[in-house]
Structure formats: C-alpha cells, structure tokens
Amino acid sequence: MTSSELWTRAVAERYDAEEGERTSAAFLAPALAFLAELAGDGRALEFAIGTGRVGVPLRERGVPVVGVELSEHMAAVLRRRIDEESLPVTIGDMATTVVPGEFSLVYLVYNTISNLLTQDEQVECFRNAARHLRPGGRFVIELCMPPLRFLPPGQLAVPFDLSERHLGFDTVDLVEQVLVSHHFTREGEDGHYRRDSSRHRYAWPAELDLMAKIAGLELERRVADWAGAPFTQDSAQHISVWRKPA
C-alpha cells in the first residue's frame, strides 16, 4: 500500500457534485480530444480513475479504457455509470498495481500523482506506467505548479479559491515538499462550513522528467493546458507527455 490518502464513502458520494464545472462536457472536451488523439487505435489505462469523470466519456468516444483505483468507494460511484465489461477497474494503487495487456496511453489527471507522498512512490508510478506501455506509447500527467511564488517569507498559506460557497487555502512544507490543501465548504443556508484537507507531494517539471528518465521514458512535449497553450514560467499547471521509445 502506498502513502496515498484513502477517499471515504462520504467524499466519493459528493465528489462529482462538488467538482461542478470540471464534470461538464464543455470543460472536458479539450482533455478528451487530447487523450483520444494520443491513444489512437490502442487502449488507455487511467491511474486513479476515481468516479470516471474522464475515463467514462473517453470510453464513450470509442477509446477502450481500463482503470486502477485505490478507493473502493470511488470505484462504486463509477460503476453506477458504466458496467465492468465496458470499463474494467482494478482496485489497487497506481505505483504497484499491474493489469493485463499493453496500452498506447497511460494517464493521470487533476494533480493525482501528488497523492503519492514520497519521491520513491512517484518514481514507481512512472515505472508502473512504463511497464504497461507498448513501444511508442505515451504517459500523460496533468499537474499544477507549486504555488511558491505566492508564498512570501512569513506567510503561512496561499488562497486558491474564495468563492461564495467555498474557501480554499494551501499550506506548504518546503523541507518535506508536501502541500496541504484546506477546504471550507458552505453547507446549507445557516452559515455552517464543512472543513476538509488533503495532503500532496508537489514536484517540479524537471523532477518529473528525471523520474521519467529513470523509468526509460522520454519527454515528448509539455503544454500549459489541454488546448495546447505554450508552457511558460507563468503557467499555473502543465500537461506533460513522455514517450516509451519504440
């Protein structure tokens, strides 16, 4: 078992509703087009497939998708959308779980590799992706850039959402390279807020490239979003693609 925090039944049940815009067809369209093009006529493997927010519509586009998911509760929500024969899911962690066959695409979306809280586990995730890829296949990660530019000396937290129903702040341990996201979500109209938090190990693109090299993968491209905008020093996130040599 890896150090990833296990998502509970309560979190799984409210996950899609709280993600809101990220579950819409319009929001997902660029990501689905990006991933479908890389998958080509092959199969895709999604690490940490969750409730199927990306995997299910990618399957509906004609790409055969297989998933790995640590939380049985998240997988149970996915199963309400699609049956096991159409989209098989193996319960296990993304660093060590092996599923049958080869894939043209392995992918991790929405910062999920940061759920692995040690460098060793993240390296093993890259190795696991390479293990599943056929020659010429790609490994794709979507990951936010660490918000350190917004954390001056003496400041404890960086806000990332200040909306009417949700307040979000990140605190950062610069020594351990661990970021904790704190969420305060308004429930009902009585002013009550639910507090949640999650831990993440952040990594810079250069560190990920070294992990890829250890796993025998080569950087093919890096962009700032699913639409292909150039990645710059001001980009808030990156989509990185590594290729397994033919």
Protein backbone atom coordinates (compact mmCIF):
# COMPACT_ATOMS: atom_id res chain seq x y z
CA MET A 1 0.00 0.00 0.00
CA THR A 2 1.25 3.48 -0.85
CA SER A 3 1.04 6.61 1.28
CA SER A 4 -1.95 7.93 -0.68
CA GLU A 5 -4.85 9.00 1.50
CA LEU A 6 -7.88 6.73 1.03
CA TRP A 7 -11.03 8.53 -0.11
CA THR A 8 -14.05 7.70 2.04
CA ARG A 9 -17.63 6.85 1.07
CA ALA A 10 -18.80 10.34 2.06
CA VAL A 11 -16.18 12.02 -0.15
CA ALA A 12 -16.96 9.69 -3.06
CA GLU A 13 -20.68 10.39 -2.88
CA ARG A 14 -20.26 14.17 -3.09
CA TYR A 15 -17.18 14.28 -5.34
CA ASP A 16 -18.84 14.88 -8.72
CA ALA A 17 -21.28 17.46 -7.37
CA GLU A 18 -18.50 19.45 -5.72
CA GLU A 19 -16.31 19.37 -8.82
CA GLY A 20 -19.12 21.12 -10.70
CA GLU A 21 -17.69 22.65 -13.87
CA ARG A 22 -14.97 20.00 -14.19
CA THR A 23 -17.62 17.35 -14.88
CA SER A 24 -19.27 19.28 -17.74
CA ALA A 25 -18.95 18.23 -21.37
CA ALA A 26 -17.62 21.65 -22.36
CA PHE A 27 -14.87 21.58 -19.73
CA LEU A 28 -13.82 18.02 -20.54
CA ALA A 29 -13.84 18.36 -24.33
CA PRO A 30 -10.21 19.57 -24.78
CA ALA A 31 -8.84 16.89 -22.42
CA LEU A 32 -10.81 14.13 -24.13
CA ALA A 33 -9.64 15.24 -27.58
CA PHE A 34 -6.02 15.40 -26.36
CA LEU A 35 -6.13 11.93 -24.80
CA ALA A 36 -8.07 10.30 -27.63
CA GLU A 37 -5.52 11.52 -30.17
CA LEU A 38 -2.66 10.02 -28.16
CA ALA A 39 -4.50 6.74 -27.62
CA GLY A 40 -5.07 6.35 -31.36
CA ASP A 41 -6.34 2.86 -32.10
CA GLY A 42 -4.95 1.43 -28.85
CA ARG A 43 -6.17 1.06 -25.28
CA ALA A 44 -5.88 3.63 -22.49
CA LEU A 45 -5.12 2.99 -18.81
CA GLU A 46 -6.16 5.61 -16.27
CA PHE A 47 -4.35 5.56 -12.94
CA ALA A 48 -6.61 6.72 -10.07
CA ILE A 49 -9.70 6.70 -12.29
CA GLY A 50 -11.94 7.81 -9.41
CA THR A 51 -15.60 8.19 -10.30
CA GLY A 52 -14.86 8.02 -14.02
CA ARG A 53 -15.09 11.77 -14.65
CA VAL A 54 -12.62 11.42 -17.56
CA GLY A 55 -12.50 7.68 -18.19
CA VAL A 56 -16.20 7.18 -18.89
CA PRO A 57 -16.59 9.93 -21.54
CA LEU A 58 -13.25 8.86 -23.08
CA ARG A 59 -14.69 5.35 -23.40
CA GLU A 60 -17.82 6.86 -24.98
CA ARG A 61 -15.56 8.41 -27.62
CA GLY A 62 -14.53 4.92 -28.66
CA VAL A 63 -11.26 4.55 -26.72
CA PRO A 64 -11.10 1.27 -24.77
CA VAL A 65 -10.35 2.36 -21.18
CA VAL A 66 -9.14 0.34 -18.19
CA GLY A 67 -8.84 1.86 -14.72
CA VAL A 68 -6.89 1.46 -11.50
CA GLU A 69 -8.42 2.99 -8.36
CA LEU A 70 -7.35 2.85 -4.70
CA SER A 71 -10.74 3.73 -3.19
CA GLU A 72 -13.47 1.12 -3.47
CA HIS A 73 -15.98 3.87 -2.69
CA MET A 74 -14.89 5.97 -5.68
CA ALA A 75 -15.00 2.89 -7.92
CA ALA A 76 -18.52 2.11 -6.69
CA VAL A 77 -19.72 5.54 -7.87
CA LEU A 78 -18.08 4.91 -11.26
CA ARG A 79 -19.84 1.56 -11.51
CA ARG A 80 -23.23 3.32 -11.44
CA ARG A 81 -22.24 4.96 -14.73
CA ILE A 82 -20.83 2.02 -16.65
CA ASP A 83 -20.54 -1.75 -16.26
CA GLU A 84 -17.37 -3.73 -15.57
CA GLU A 85 -17.25 -5.31 -19.01
CA SER A 86 -17.29 -1.92 -20.74
CA LEU A 87 -14.74 -0.31 -18.40
CA PRO A 88 -12.81 -2.73 -16.17
CA VAL A 89 -11.43 -1.30 -12.91
CA THR A 90 -8.83 -2.93 -10.65
CA ILE A 91 -8.75 -1.89 -7.01
CA GLY A 92 -5.18 -1.02 -6.11
CA ASP A 93 -2.57 1.72 -6.02
CA MET A 94 -1.10 3.39 -9.10
CA ALA A 95 2.53 2.73 -8.14
CA THR A 96 2.44 -1.07 -7.99
CA THR A 97 -0.83 -2.45 -9.39
CA VAL A 98 -0.42 -4.32 -12.67
CA VAL A 99 -3.27 -5.05 -15.08
CA PRO A 100 -3.14 -7.39 -18.09
CA GLY A 101 -2.08 -6.28 -21.55
CA GLU A 102 -0.30 -3.36 -23.18
CA PHE A 103 -1.58 0.17 -23.67
CA SER A 104 -0.88 3.00 -26.09
CA LEU A 105 -1.71 5.53 -23.36
CA VAL A 106 -1.41 5.71 -19.58
CA TYR A 107 -2.63 8.91 -17.97
CA LEU A 108 -3.07 10.72 -14.66
CA VAL A 109 -5.26 13.81 -14.47
CA TYR A 110 -6.05 16.59 -12.00
CA ASN A 111 -2.86 16.50 -9.86
CA THR A 112 -3.36 12.85 -8.94
CA ILE A 113 0.32 11.87 -8.92
CA SER A 114 0.73 14.26 -5.99
CA ASN A 115 -1.40 11.88 -3.90
CA LEU A 116 1.76 9.76 -3.67
CA LEU A 117 3.53 11.42 -0.77
CA THR A 118 7.10 10.21 -1.31
CA GLN A 119 9.54 10.59 -4.17
CA ASP A 120 10.15 6.84 -4.26
CA GLU A 121 6.45 6.17 -4.80
CA GLN A 122 6.23 8.74 -7.56
CA VAL A 123 9.22 7.13 -9.28
CA GLU A 124 7.49 3.75 -9.00
CA CYS A 125 4.39 5.27 -10.59
CA PHE A 126 6.46 6.25 -13.62
CA ARG A 127 7.95 2.76 -13.72
CA ASN A 128 4.48 1.25 -13.50
CA ALA A 129 3.29 3.41 -16.39
CA ALA A 130 6.27 2.34 -18.49
CA ARG A 131 5.58 -1.29 -17.58
CA HIS A 132 2.11 -1.03 -19.12
CA LEU A 133 3.02 0.94 -22.25
CA ARG A 134 3.66 -0.65 -25.60
CA PRO A 135 6.70 0.68 -27.51
CA GLY A 136 5.88 4.17 -28.73
CA GLY A 137 3.14 4.59 -26.11
CA ARG A 138 2.71 7.74 -24.02
CA PHE A 139 2.39 8.59 -20.35
CA VAL A 140 0.45 11.82 -19.63
CA ILE A 141 0.25 13.79 -16.39
CA GLU A 142 -1.81 16.89 -15.58
CA LEU A 143 -0.28 18.70 -12.60
CA CYS A 144 -0.44 22.16 -11.06
CA MET A 145 2.73 24.13 -10.48
CA PRO A 146 3.64 24.56 -6.80
CA PRO A 147 2.36 27.98 -5.64
CA LEU A 148 5.66 29.01 -4.06
CA ARG A 149 5.85 32.31 -5.96
CA PHE A 150 2.78 33.40 -3.98
CA LEU A 151 4.22 32.42 -0.60
CA PRO A 152 6.48 35.23 0.70
CA PRO A 153 8.60 34.66 3.83
CA GLY A 154 6.45 34.58 6.94
CA GLN A 155 3.17 33.84 5.11
CA LEU A 156 1.55 30.57 6.18
CA ALA A 157 -0.97 29.91 3.41
CA VAL A 158 -1.81 30.65 -0.22
CA PRO A 159 -5.50 31.06 -1.13
CA PHE A 160 -6.64 29.29 -4.31
CA ASP A 161 -10.42 29.76 -4.12
CA LEU A 162 -12.50 32.49 -2.48
CA SER A 163 -15.97 31.79 -3.87
CA GLU A 164 -19.32 32.20 -2.15
CA ARG A 165 -19.65 28.55 -1.13
CA HIS A 166 -16.01 27.51 -0.84
CA LEU A 167 -12.78 28.82 0.65
CA GLY A 168 -9.55 27.04 -0.26
CA PHE A 169 -6.01 27.54 1.10
CA ASP A 170 -2.73 25.70 0.58
CA THR A 171 -0.06 25.41 3.27
CA VAL A 172 3.41 24.25 2.22
CA ASP A 173 6.20 22.34 3.97
CA LEU A 174 9.25 23.40 1.95
CA VAL A 175 11.53 20.81 3.58
CA GLU A 176 9.35 17.74 3.02
CA GLN A 177 7.95 19.11 -0.28
CA VAL A 178 4.40 18.49 0.95
CA LEU A 179 1.42 20.74 0.29
CA VAL A 180 -1.80 20.53 2.29
CA SER A 181 -4.99 21.82 0.69
CA HIS A 182 -7.56 23.09 3.19
CA HIS A 183 -11.20 23.34 2.11
CA PHE A 184 -14.03 25.16 3.85
CA THR A 185 -17.29 24.33 2.09
CA ARG A 186 -20.57 26.02 2.97
CA GLU A 187 -23.42 23.60 3.66
CA GLY A 188 -27.00 24.81 3.81
CA GLU A 189 -28.04 28.37 4.48
CA ASP A 190 -27.27 28.52 8.21
CA GLY A 191 -23.68 29.62 7.67
CA HIS A 192 -22.22 26.22 8.59
CA TYR A 193 -18.95 25.23 6.86
CA ARG A 194 -17.51 21.74 6.48
CA ARG A 195 -13.71 21.57 6.80
CA ASP A 196 -11.66 19.06 4.82
CA SER A 197 -7.98 18.76 3.97
CA SER A 198 -5.78 16.63 1.74
CA ARG A 199 -2.00 16.13 1.55
CA HIS A 200 0.02 16.22 -1.66
CA ARG A 201 3.69 15.90 -2.61
CA TYR A 202 4.45 18.57 -5.17
CA ALA A 203 7.12 18.10 -7.82
CA TRP A 204 8.64 20.44 -10.37
CA PRO A 205 8.59 19.50 -14.08
CA ALA A 206 12.35 18.91 -14.05
CA GLU A 207 11.98 16.40 -11.22
CA LEU A 208 9.24 14.59 -13.14
CA ASP A 209 11.47 14.46 -16.22
CA LEU A 210 14.16 12.76 -14.15
CA MET A 211 11.61 10.25 -12.86
CA ALA A 212 10.61 9.58 -16.45
CA LYS A 213 14.25 9.04 -17.44
CA ILE A 214 14.67 6.54 -14.59
CA ALA A 215 11.64 4.68 -15.97
CA GLY A 216 13.01 4.70 -19.51
CA LEU A 217 10.63 7.35 -20.86
CA GLU A 218 11.47 10.45 -22.91
CA LEU A 219 9.80 13.87 -22.70
CA GLU A 220 7.83 14.48 -25.90
CA ARG A 221 6.06 17.74 -25.11
CA ARG A 222 4.82 19.96 -22.30
CA VAL A 223 1.96 22.45 -22.61
CA ALA A 224 0.05 24.69 -20.21
CA ASP A 225 -3.42 23.24 -20.78
CA TRP A 226 -5.35 20.62 -22.72
CA ALA A 227 -5.86 23.07 -25.58
CA GLY A 228 -2.08 23.17 -26.13
CA ALA A 229 -1.19 26.67 -24.91
CA PRO A 230 2.59 27.18 -24.53
CA PHE A 231 4.05 26.33 -21.13
CA THR A 232 5.85 29.33 -19.60
CA GLN A 233 7.22 30.41 -16.23
CA ASP A 234 3.82 31.96 -15.51
CA SER A 235 1.78 28.82 -16.23
CA ALA A 236 -0.34 27.59 -13.33
CA GLN A 237 -0.20 23.96 -14.48
CA HIS A 238 1.27 21.72 -17.13
CA ILE A 239 0.24 18.76 -19.25
CA SER A 240 3.34 16.65 -19.82
CA VAL A 241 3.72 13.79 -22.29
CA TRP A 242 6.51 11.22 -22.08
CA ARG A 243 7.04 8.54 -24.71
CA LYS A 244 8.31 4.99 -24.39
CA PRO A 245 10.94 4.52 -27.10
CA ALA A 246 9.90 2.24 -29.94
